[in-house]
Amino acid sequence: MNFNEYQNESRKTWLFGHKHDFIRSVLGLFGEAGEIAEKLKKEYRDNKVVSSDDLKKELGDVLYYVARIADYYKLDLEEVASHNIEKLFSRKARGKIQGDGDDR
């Protein structure tokens, strides 16, 4: 499955039409990212490895909300991913992987 297929299929499960669709998506993203952080915190605290299945579920939830935010802005997830790879390789080629700022 590619990103656009995922975006199209996952869209079928979203309850659109709520006046706060965008904020629901952003808060959902923060919540799911927080769940990943919580699992990793417990991994360090308890010296116990997070299962790849648990992490896969949470990362999938993050992807879901990223797709909804992309929908809100009428962006194709495939284009978002492609643009990100181009940006990262440009930074690598210029020796700018480390540092601050979007336009480094």
Protein backbone atom coordinates (compact mmCIF):
# COMPACT_ATOMS: atom_id res chain seq x y z
CA MET A 1 0.00 0.00 0.00
CA ASN A 2 1.33 3.44 -0.84
CA PHE A 3 0.66 6.64 1.07
CA ASN A 4 -2.16 7.83 -1.18
CA GLU A 5 -3.91 4.47 -0.93
CA TYR A 6 -3.59 4.66 2.84
CA GLN A 7 -4.89 8.21 2.88
CA ASN A 8 -7.90 7.31 0.74
CA GLU A 9 -8.78 4.15 2.68
CA SER A 10 -8.28 5.65 6.13
CA ARG A 11 -10.40 8.66 5.16
CA LYS A 12 -13.42 6.33 5.07
CA THR A 13 -13.26 5.95 8.86
CA TRP A 14 -13.17 9.66 9.73
CA LEU A 15 -16.35 11.37 10.87
CA PHE A 16 -16.13 14.47 8.65
CA GLY A 17 -18.30 17.50 8.90
CA HIS A 18 -17.57 18.45 12.47
CA LYS A 19 -16.75 22.14 12.75
CA HIS A 20 -13.54 21.30 14.58
CA ASP A 21 -12.14 18.65 12.18
CA PHE A 22 -8.74 20.31 12.00
CA ILE A 23 -8.27 20.75 15.74
CA ARG A 24 -9.49 17.19 16.32
CA SER A 25 -6.78 16.01 13.93
CA VAL A 26 -4.02 18.05 15.56
CA LEU A 27 -5.03 17.02 19.07
CA GLY A 28 -5.27 13.40 17.93
CA LEU A 29 -1.73 13.63 16.51
CA PHE A 30 -0.40 15.09 19.74
CA GLY A 31 -2.20 12.43 21.76
CA GLU A 32 -0.83 9.55 19.72
CA ALA A 33 2.69 11.01 19.69
CA GLY A 34 2.34 11.31 23.46
CA GLU A 35 1.43 7.63 23.68
CA ILE A 36 4.65 6.77 21.83
CA ALA A 37 6.62 9.00 24.20
CA GLU A 38 4.93 7.35 27.18
CA LYS A 39 5.86 3.86 25.95
CA LEU A 40 9.46 4.92 25.41
CA LYS A 41 9.57 6.58 28.84
CA LYS A 42 8.46 3.32 30.44
CA GLU A 43 11.06 1.48 28.37
CA TYR A 44 13.81 3.61 29.91
CA ARG A 45 12.26 3.68 33.38
CA ASP A 46 11.51 -0.04 33.62
CA ASN A 47 14.39 -1.22 31.42
CA LYS A 48 11.82 -3.12 29.35
CA VAL A 49 11.74 -3.10 25.55
CA VAL A 50 8.58 -1.79 23.85
CA SER A 51 7.18 -4.46 21.57
CA SER A 52 7.33 -3.78 17.86
CA ASP A 53 3.60 -4.60 17.67
CA ASP A 54 2.76 -1.92 20.23
CA LEU A 55 4.96 0.61 18.47
CA LYS A 56 3.49 -0.33 15.09
CA LYS A 57 -0.02 0.36 16.40
CA GLU A 58 0.90 3.75 17.79
CA LEU A 59 2.86 4.79 14.70
CA GLY A 60 -0.15 3.80 12.62
CA ASP A 61 -2.33 6.06 14.75
CA VAL A 62 0.13 8.92 14.21
CA LEU A 63 -0.01 8.28 10.46
CA TYR A 64 -3.81 8.36 10.60
CA TYR A 65 -3.87 11.86 12.06
CA VAL A 66 -1.13 13.08 9.71
CA ALA A 67 -3.34 11.87 6.85
CA ARG A 68 -6.31 13.78 8.27
CA ILE A 69 -4.28 16.99 8.56
CA ALA A 70 -3.10 16.48 4.98
CA ASP A 71 -6.76 16.05 3.96
CA TYR A 72 -7.66 19.31 5.67
CA TYR A 73 -5.07 21.13 3.53
CA LYS A 74 -5.90 19.06 0.43
CA LEU A 75 -2.40 17.58 0.32
CA ASP A 76 -1.58 14.11 -0.99
CA LEU A 77 0.34 12.13 1.59
CA GLU A 78 2.49 10.71 -1.22
CA GLU A 79 3.58 14.25 -2.15
CA VAL A 80 4.24 15.12 1.50
CA ALA A 81 6.48 12.05 1.87
CA SER A 82 8.26 12.68 -1.42
CA HIS A 83 8.90 16.34 -0.55
CA ASN A 84 10.28 15.31 2.83
CA ILE A 85 12.75 12.86 1.26
CA GLU A 86 13.91 15.51 -1.23
CA LYS A 87 14.42 17.98 1.63
CA LEU A 88 16.37 15.46 3.71
CA PHE A 89 18.66 14.45 0.86
CA SER A 90 19.26 18.11 0.00
CA ARG A 91 20.28 18.75 3.60
CA LYS A 92 22.54 15.69 3.58
CA ALA A 93 24.21 16.78 0.34
CA ARG A 94 24.86 20.24 1.82
CA GLY A 95 26.05 18.87 5.17
CA LYS A 96 23.04 20.41 6.95
CA ILE A 97 21.36 17.35 8.50
CA GLN A 98 22.19 18.72 11.95
CA GLY A 99 21.24 22.19 13.04
CA ASP A 100 18.13 24.26 13.50
CA GLY A 101 15.49 25.71 11.21
CA ASP A 102 13.42 24.45 8.33
CA ASP A 103 15.46 26.16 5.63
CA ARG A 104 18.94 25.02 6.58
